[in-house]
């Protein structure tokens, strides 16, 4: 990831929820607005996030360049 750019999830068809865990601190939003380092929900590294169906398509994240976000999708 690049800390200057917001990323969205590529959600598989029929997904109902997702569980995500960032490898480093991130900031996210799930209201169709792009997050920034000062605007959004900050989350610490290794924190478990549970995203429901309504949030999946709107979820966007911003993080340092070397960060990974591990995501499991469920139908």
PDB file of N, CA and C in Angstrom:
ATOM      1  N   UNK A   1       0.834  -1.187   0.000  1.00  0.00           N
ATOM      2  CA  UNK A   1       0.000   0.000   0.000  1.00  0.00           C
ATOM      3  C   UNK A   1       0.872   1.241   0.000  1.00  0.00           C
ATOM      4  N   UNK A   2       0.303   2.308  -0.483  1.00  0.00           N
ATOM      5  CA  UNK A   2       0.998   3.586  -0.557  1.00  0.00           C
ATOM      6  C   UNK A   2       0.231   4.568   0.312  1.00  0.00           C
ATOM      7  N   UNK A   3       0.855   5.133   1.333  1.00  0.00           N
ATOM      8  CA  UNK A   3       0.194   6.015   2.272  1.00  0.00           C
ATOM      9  C   UNK A   3      -0.475   7.230   1.667  1.00  0.00           C
ATOM     10  N   UNK A   4      -0.224   7.520   0.393  1.00  0.00           N
ATOM     11  CA  UNK A   4      -0.827   8.680  -0.259  1.00  0.00           C
ATOM     12  C   UNK A   4      -2.095   8.310  -1.025  1.00  0.00           C
ATOM     13  N   UNK A   5      -2.431   7.016  -1.077  1.00  0.00           N
ATOM     14  CA  UNK A   5      -3.538   6.563  -1.904  1.00  0.00           C
ATOM     15  C   UNK A   5      -4.480   5.686  -1.091  1.00  0.00           C
ATOM     16  N   UNK A   6      -5.790   5.857  -1.300  1.00  0.00           N
ATOM     17  CA  UNK A   6      -6.786   5.002  -0.653  1.00  0.00           C
ATOM     18  C   UNK A   6      -7.041   3.781  -1.532  1.00  0.00           C
ATOM     19  N   UNK A   7      -7.176   2.625  -0.902  1.00  0.00           N
ATOM     20  CA  UNK A   7      -7.424   1.372  -1.607  1.00  0.00           C
ATOM     21  C   UNK A   7      -8.775   0.808  -1.193  1.00  0.00           C
ATOM     22  N   UNK A   8      -9.474   0.215  -2.145  1.00  0.00           N
ATOM     23  CA  UNK A   8     -10.740  -0.457  -1.887  1.00  0.00           C
ATOM     24  C   UNK A   8     -10.519  -1.962  -1.956  1.00  0.00           C
ATOM     25  N   UNK A   9     -11.449  -2.719  -1.418  1.00  0.00           N
ATOM     26  CA  UNK A   9     -11.386  -4.175  -1.496  1.00  0.00           C
ATOM     27  C   UNK A   9     -11.933  -4.650  -2.839  1.00  0.00           C
ATOM     28  N   UNK A  10     -11.397  -5.744  -3.334  1.00  0.00           N
ATOM     29  CA  UNK A  10     -11.989  -6.437  -4.471  1.00  0.00           C
ATOM     30  C   UNK A  10     -12.842  -7.547  -3.869  1.00  0.00           C
ATOM     31  N   UNK A  11     -14.146  -7.315  -3.813  1.00  0.00           N
ATOM     32  CA  UNK A  11     -15.050  -8.201  -3.087  1.00  0.00           C
ATOM     33  C   UNK A  11     -15.589  -9.294  -4.006  1.00  0.00           C
ATOM     34  N   UNK A  12     -15.410 -10.563  -3.627  1.00  0.00           N
ATOM     35  CA  UNK A  12     -15.970 -11.650  -4.432  1.00  0.00           C
ATOM     36  C   UNK A  12     -17.506 -11.572  -4.470  1.00  0.00           C
ATOM     37  N   UNK A  13     -18.075 -12.039  -5.559  1.00  0.00           N
ATOM     38  CA  UNK A  13     -19.528 -12.040  -5.727  1.00  0.00           C
ATOM     39  C   UNK A  13     -20.183 -12.831  -4.590  1.00  0.00           C
ATOM     40  N   UNK A  14     -21.294 -12.332  -4.104  1.00  0.00           N
ATOM     41  CA  UNK A  14     -22.103 -12.960  -3.046  1.00  0.00           C
ATOM     42  C   UNK A  14     -21.466 -12.955  -1.664  1.00  0.00           C
ATOM     43  N   UNK A  15     -20.416 -12.196  -1.457  1.00  0.00           N
ATOM     44  CA  UNK A  15     -19.811 -12.121  -0.127  1.00  0.00           C
ATOM     45  C   UNK A  15     -20.762 -11.409   0.824  1.00  0.00           C
ATOM     46  N   UNK A  16     -20.898 -11.967   2.015  1.00  0.00           N
ATOM     47  CA  UNK A  16     -21.786 -11.409   3.034  1.00  0.00           C
ATOM     48  C   UNK A  16     -21.022 -10.681   4.140  1.00  0.00           C
ATOM     49  N   UNK A  17     -19.781 -11.102   4.371  1.00  0.00           N
ATOM     50  CA  UNK A  17     -18.963 -10.459   5.401  1.00  0.00           C
ATOM     51  C   UNK A  17     -17.492 -10.747   5.131  1.00  0.00           C
ATOM     52  N   UNK A  18     -16.642 -10.015   5.851  1.00  0.00           N
ATOM     53  CA  UNK A  18     -15.202 -10.228   5.740  1.00  0.00           C
ATOM     54  C   UNK A  18     -14.561  -9.997   7.099  1.00  0.00           C
ATOM     55  N   UNK A  19     -13.446 -10.652   7.301  1.00  0.00           N
ATOM     56  CA  UNK A  19     -12.614 -10.443   8.484  1.00  0.00           C
ATOM     57  C   UNK A  19     -11.260  -9.994   7.958  1.00  0.00           C
ATOM     58  N   UNK A  20     -10.757  -8.889   8.494  1.00  0.00           N
ATOM     59  CA  UNK A  20      -9.490  -8.320   8.015  1.00  0.00           C
ATOM     60  C   UNK A  20      -8.560  -8.044   9.188  1.00  0.00           C
ATOM     61  N   UNK A  21      -7.259  -8.170   8.916  1.00  0.00           N
ATOM     62  CA  UNK A  21      -6.252  -7.849   9.925  1.00  0.00           C
ATOM     63  C   UNK A  21      -5.087  -7.140   9.241  1.00  0.00           C
ATOM     64  N   UNK A  22      -4.828  -5.877   9.622  1.00  0.00           N
ATOM     65  CA  UNK A  22      -3.716  -5.138   9.020  1.00  0.00           C
ATOM     66  C   UNK A  22      -2.380  -5.514   9.647  1.00  0.00           C
ATOM     67  N   UNK A  23      -1.334  -5.480   8.825  1.00  0.00           N
ATOM     68  CA  UNK A  23       0.016  -5.759   9.295  1.00  0.00           C
ATOM     69  C   UNK A  23       0.676  -4.562   9.958  1.00  0.00           C
ATOM     70  N   UNK A  24       0.097  -3.389   9.779  1.00  0.00           N
ATOM     71  CA  UNK A  24       0.585  -2.153  10.407  1.00  0.00           C
ATOM     72  C   UNK A  24      -0.635  -1.265  10.648  1.00  0.00           C
ATOM     73  N   UNK A  25      -0.438  -0.163  11.324  1.00  0.00           N
ATOM     74  CA  UNK A  25      -1.550   0.752  11.583  1.00  0.00           C
ATOM     75  C   UNK A  25      -2.148   1.249  10.268  1.00  0.00           C
ATOM     76  N   UNK A  26      -3.472   1.327  10.216  1.00  0.00           N
ATOM     77  CA  UNK A  26      -4.186   1.809   9.039  1.00  0.00           C
ATOM     78  C   UNK A  26      -5.232   2.829   9.457  1.00  0.00           C
ATOM     79  N   UNK A  27      -5.808   3.495   8.480  1.00  0.00           N
ATOM     80  CA  UNK A  27      -6.987   4.339   8.672  1.00  0.00           C
ATOM     81  C   UNK A  27      -7.979   3.918   7.604  1.00  0.00           C
ATOM     82  N   UNK A  28      -9.237   3.667   8.004  1.00  0.00           N
ATOM     83  CA  UNK A  28     -10.226   3.250   7.013  1.00  0.00           C
ATOM     84  C   UNK A  28     -11.517   4.046   7.140  1.00  0.00           C
ATOM     85  N   UNK A  29     -12.310   3.967   6.085  1.00  0.00           N
ATOM     86  CA  UNK A  29     -13.670   4.518   6.063  1.00  0.00           C
ATOM     87  C   UNK A  29     -14.542   3.534   5.310  1.00  0.00           C
ATOM     88  N   UNK A  30     -15.814   3.497   5.673  1.00  0.00           N
ATOM     89  CA  UNK A  30     -16.752   2.626   4.974  1.00  0.00           C
ATOM     90  C   UNK A  30     -18.041   3.375   4.640  1.00  0.00           C
ATOM     91  N   UNK A  31     -17.876   4.657   4.297  1.00  0.00           N
ATOM     92  CA  UNK A  31     -19.033   5.511   3.986  1.00  0.00           C
ATOM     93  C   UNK A  31     -18.905   6.180   2.612  1.00  0.00           C
ATOM     94  N   UNK A  32     -18.175   5.561   1.699  1.00  0.00           N
ATOM     95  CA  UNK A  32     -17.953   6.071   0.342  1.00  0.00           C
ATOM     96  C   UNK A  32     -16.993   7.252   0.270  1.00  0.00           C
ATOM     97  N   UNK A  33     -16.475   7.709   1.400  1.00  0.00           N
ATOM     98  CA  UNK A  33     -15.496   8.795   1.387  1.00  0.00           C
ATOM     99  C   UNK A  33     -14.092   8.205   1.516  1.00  0.00           C
ATOM    100  N   UNK A  34     -13.128   8.843   0.910  1.00  0.00           N
ATOM    101  CA  UNK A  34     -11.747   8.359   0.985  1.00  0.00           C
ATOM    102  C   UNK A  34     -11.117   8.732   2.317  1.00  0.00           C
ATOM    103  N   UNK A  35     -10.417   7.798   2.946  1.00  0.00           N
ATOM    104  CA  UNK A  35      -9.728   8.115   4.191  1.00  0.00           C
ATOM    105  C   UNK A  35      -8.448   8.902   3.930  1.00  0.00           C
ATOM    106  N   UNK A  36      -7.973   9.555   4.952  1.00  0.00           N
ATOM    107  CA  UNK A  36      -6.656  10.193   4.920  1.00  0.00           C
ATOM    108  C   UNK A  36      -5.996   9.867   6.251  1.00  0.00           C
ATOM    109  N   UNK A  37      -4.783  10.286   6.435  1.00  0.00           N
ATOM    110  CA  UNK A  37      -4.104   9.994   7.693  1.00  0.00           C
ATOM    111  C   UNK A  37      -4.766  10.693   8.873  1.00  0.00           C
ATOM    112  N   UNK A  38      -5.583  11.718   8.610  1.00  0.00           N
ATOM    113  CA  UNK A  38      -6.255  12.448   9.680  1.00  0.00           C
ATOM    114  C   UNK A  38      -7.778  12.339   9.630  1.00  0.00           C
ATOM    115  N   UNK A  39      -8.317  11.613   8.655  1.00  0.00           N
ATOM    116  CA  UNK A  39      -9.769  11.545   8.480  1.00  0.00           C
ATOM    117  C   UNK A  39     -10.197  10.103   8.248  1.00  0.00           C
ATOM    118  N   UNK A  40     -10.752   9.474   9.267  1.00  0.00           N
ATOM    119  CA  UNK A  40     -11.190   8.097   9.181  1.00  0.00           C
ATOM    120  C   UNK A  40     -11.028   7.405  10.520  1.00  0.00           C
ATOM    121  N   UNK A  41     -11.218   6.094  10.518  1.00  0.00           N
ATOM    122  CA  UNK A  41     -11.120   5.293  11.737  1.00  0.00           C
ATOM    123  C   UNK A  41      -9.720   4.688  11.829  1.00  0.00           C
ATOM    124  N   UNK A  42      -8.906   5.124  12.795  1.00  0.00           N
ATOM    125  CA  UNK A  42      -7.574   4.547  12.937  1.00  0.00           C
ATOM    126  C   UNK A  42      -7.666   3.155  13.568  1.00  0.00           C
ATOM    127  N   UNK A  43      -6.839   2.245  13.089  1.00  0.00           N
ATOM    128  CA  UNK A  43      -6.808   0.871  13.592  1.00  0.00           C
ATOM    129  C   UNK A  43      -5.352   0.464  13.783  1.00  0.00           C
ATOM    130  N   UNK A  44      -5.041  -0.094  14.930  1.00  0.00           N
ATOM    131  CA  UNK A  44      -3.673  -0.535  15.221  1.00  0.00           C
ATOM    132  C   UNK A  44      -3.350  -1.830  14.475  1.00  0.00           C
ATOM    133  N   UNK A  45      -2.075  -2.084  14.293  1.00  0.00           N
ATOM    134  CA  UNK A  45      -1.618  -3.324  13.661  1.00  0.00           C
ATOM    135  C   UNK A  45      -2.158  -4.531  14.417  1.00  0.00           C
ATOM    136  N   UNK A  46      -2.459  -5.586  13.676  1.00  0.00           N
ATOM    137  CA  UNK A  46      -2.928  -6.867  14.221  1.00  0.00           C
ATOM    138  C   UNK A  46      -4.276  -6.778  14.928  1.00  0.00           C
ATOM    139  N   UNK A  47      -5.049  -5.746  14.633  1.00  0.00           N
ATOM    140  CA  UNK A  47      -6.405  -5.627  15.169  1.00  0.00           C
ATOM    141  C   UNK A  47      -7.366  -6.298  14.199  1.00  0.00           C
ATOM    142  N   UNK A  48      -8.265  -7.102  14.720  1.00  0.00           N
ATOM    143  CA  UNK A  48      -9.230  -7.809  13.895  1.00  0.00           C
ATOM    144  C   UNK A  48     -10.400  -6.896  13.545  1.00  0.00           C
ATOM    145  N   UNK A  49     -10.690  -6.775  12.258  1.00  0.00           N
ATOM    146  CA  UNK A  49     -11.834  -5.992  11.781  1.00  0.00           C
ATOM    147  C   UNK A  49     -12.875  -6.945  11.202  1.00  0.00           C
ATOM    148  N   UNK A  50     -14.122  -6.762  11.563  1.00  0.00           N
ATOM    149  CA  UNK A  50     -15.218  -7.540  10.983  1.00  0.00           C
ATOM    150  C   UNK A  50     -16.055  -6.569  10.163  1.00  0.00           C
ATOM    151  N   UNK A  51     -16.202  -6.879   8.887  1.00  0.00           N
ATOM    152  CA  UNK A  51     -16.940  -6.011   7.962  1.00  0.00           C
ATOM    153  C   UNK A  51     -18.196  -6.725   7.501  1.00  0.00           C
ATOM    154  N   UNK A  52     -19.337  -6.073   7.642  1.00  0.00           N
ATOM    155  CA  UNK A  52     -20.587  -6.688   7.203  1.00  0.00           C
ATOM    156  C   UNK A  52     -20.876  -6.303   5.750  1.00  0.00           C
ATOM    157  N   UNK A  53     -21.901  -6.893   5.211  1.00  0.00           N
ATOM    158  CA  UNK A  53     -22.224  -6.761   3.791  1.00  0.00           C
ATOM    159  C   UNK A  53     -22.309  -5.305   3.333  1.00  0.00           C
ATOM    160  N   UNK A  54     -22.941  -4.444   4.103  1.00  0.00           N
ATOM    161  CA  UNK A  54     -23.102  -3.051   3.694  1.00  0.00           C
ATOM    162  C   UNK A  54     -21.777  -2.297   3.636  1.00  0.00           C
ATOM    163  N   UNK A  55     -20.800  -2.731   4.408  1.00  0.00           N
ATOM    164  CA  UNK A  55     -19.504  -2.052   4.451  1.00  0.00           C
ATOM    165  C   UNK A  55     -18.539  -2.523   3.371  1.00  0.00           C
ATOM    166  N   UNK A  56     -18.717  -3.723   2.875  1.00  0.00           N
ATOM    167  CA  UNK A  56     -17.717  -4.318   1.983  1.00  0.00           C
ATOM    168  C   UNK A  56     -17.448  -3.487   0.740  1.00  0.00           C
ATOM    169  N   UNK A  57     -18.477  -3.052   0.070  1.00  0.00           N
ATOM    170  CA  UNK A  57     -18.312  -2.308  -1.183  1.00  0.00           C
ATOM    171  C   UNK A  57     -17.820  -0.883  -0.952  1.00  0.00           C
ATOM    172  N   UNK A  58     -18.023  -0.349   0.246  1.00  0.00           N
ATOM    173  CA  UNK A  58     -17.647   1.034   0.543  1.00  0.00           C
ATOM    174  C   UNK A  58     -16.313   1.162   1.273  1.00  0.00           C
ATOM    175  N   UNK A  59     -15.753   0.052   1.732  1.00  0.00           N
ATOM    176  CA  UNK A  59     -14.539   0.054   2.532  1.00  0.00           C
ATOM    177  C   UNK A  59     -13.347   0.572   1.724  1.00  0.00           C
ATOM    178  N   UNK A  60     -12.641   1.558   2.294  1.00  0.00           N
ATOM    179  CA  UNK A  60     -11.403   2.073   1.717  1.00  0.00           C
ATOM    180  C   UNK A  60     -10.389   2.232   2.837  1.00  0.00           C
ATOM    181  N   UNK A  61      -9.138   1.968   2.521  1.00  0.00           N
ATOM    182  CA  UNK A  61      -8.090   1.995   3.538  1.00  0.00           C
ATOM    183  C   UNK A  61      -6.883   2.773   3.024  1.00  0.00           C
ATOM    184  N   UNK A  62      -6.187   3.423   3.955  1.00  0.00           N
ATOM    185  CA  UNK A  62      -4.925   4.086   3.657  1.00  0.00           C
ATOM    186  C   UNK A  62      -3.929   3.621   4.714  1.00  0.00           C
ATOM    187  N   UNK A  63      -2.683   3.358   4.285  1.00  0.00           N
ATOM    188  CA  UNK A  63      -1.678   2.806   5.196  1.00  0.00           C
ATOM    189  C   UNK A  63      -0.283   3.077   4.648  1.00  0.00           C
ATOM    190  N   UNK A  64       0.738   2.871   5.483  1.00  0.00           N
ATOM    191  CA  UNK A  64       2.116   3.012   4.997  1.00  0.00           C
ATOM    192  C   UNK A  64       2.391   2.061   3.832  1.00  0.00           C
ATOM    193  N   UNK A  65       3.373   2.393   3.034  1.00  0.00           N
ATOM    194  CA  UNK A  65       3.667   1.671   1.795  1.00  0.00           C
ATOM    195  C   UNK A  65       3.923   0.180   1.979  1.00  0.00           C
ATOM    196  N   UNK A  66       4.516  -0.235   3.058  1.00  0.00           N
ATOM    197  CA  UNK A  66       4.881  -1.645   3.220  1.00  0.00           C
ATOM    198  C   UNK A  66       3.808  -2.481   3.925  1.00  0.00           C
ATOM    199  N   UNK A  67       2.635  -1.926   4.134  1.00  0.00           N
ATOM    200  CA  UNK A  67       1.578  -2.611   4.881  1.00  0.00           C
ATOM    201  C   UNK A  67       0.828  -3.631   4.038  1.00  0.00           C
ATOM    202  N   UNK A  68       0.492  -4.747   4.666  1.00  0.00           N
ATOM    203  CA  UNK A  68      -0.412  -5.718   4.048  1.00  0.00           C
ATOM    204  C   UNK A  68      -1.710  -5.741   4.850  1.00  0.00           C
ATOM    205  N   UNK A  69      -2.805  -6.040   4.179  1.00  0.00           N
ATOM    206  CA  UNK A  69      -4.101  -6.199   4.822  1.00  0.00           C
ATOM    207  C   UNK A  69      -4.602  -7.582   4.435  1.00  0.00           C
ATOM    208  N   UNK A  70      -4.609  -8.493   5.387  1.00  0.00           N
ATOM    209  CA  UNK A  70      -5.089  -9.848   5.145  1.00  0.00           C
ATOM    210  C   UNK A  70      -6.599  -9.873   5.329  1.00  0.00           C
ATOM    211  N   UNK A  71      -7.312 -10.390   4.323  1.00  0.00           N
ATOM    212  CA  UNK A  71      -8.772 -10.375   4.339  1.00  0.00           C
ATOM    213  C   UNK A  71      -9.315 -11.747   3.975  1.00  0.00           C
ATOM    214  N   UNK A  72     -10.279 -12.232   4.765  1.00  0.00           N
ATOM    215  CA  UNK A  72     -11.026 -13.443   4.469  1.00  0.00           C
ATOM    216  C   UNK A  72     -12.466 -13.050   4.191  1.00  0.00           C
ATOM    217  N   UNK A  73     -13.013 -13.514   3.087  1.00  0.00           N
ATOM    218  CA  UNK A  73     -14.402 -13.228   2.723  1.00  0.00           C
ATOM    219  C   UNK A  73     -15.266 -14.451   2.994  1.00  0.00           C
ATOM    220  N   UNK A  74     -16.511 -14.206   3.418  1.00  0.00           N
ATOM    221  CA  UNK A  74     -17.461 -15.290   3.699  1.00  0.00           C
ATOM    222  C   UNK A  74     -18.753 -15.055   2.950  1.00  0.00           C
ATOM    223  N   UNK A  75     -19.341 -16.153   2.482  1.00  0.00           N
ATOM    224  CA  UNK A  75     -20.644 -16.088   1.793  1.00  0.00           C
ATOM    225  C   UNK A  75     -21.745 -16.451   2.750  1.00  0.00           C
TER     226      UNK A  75
END
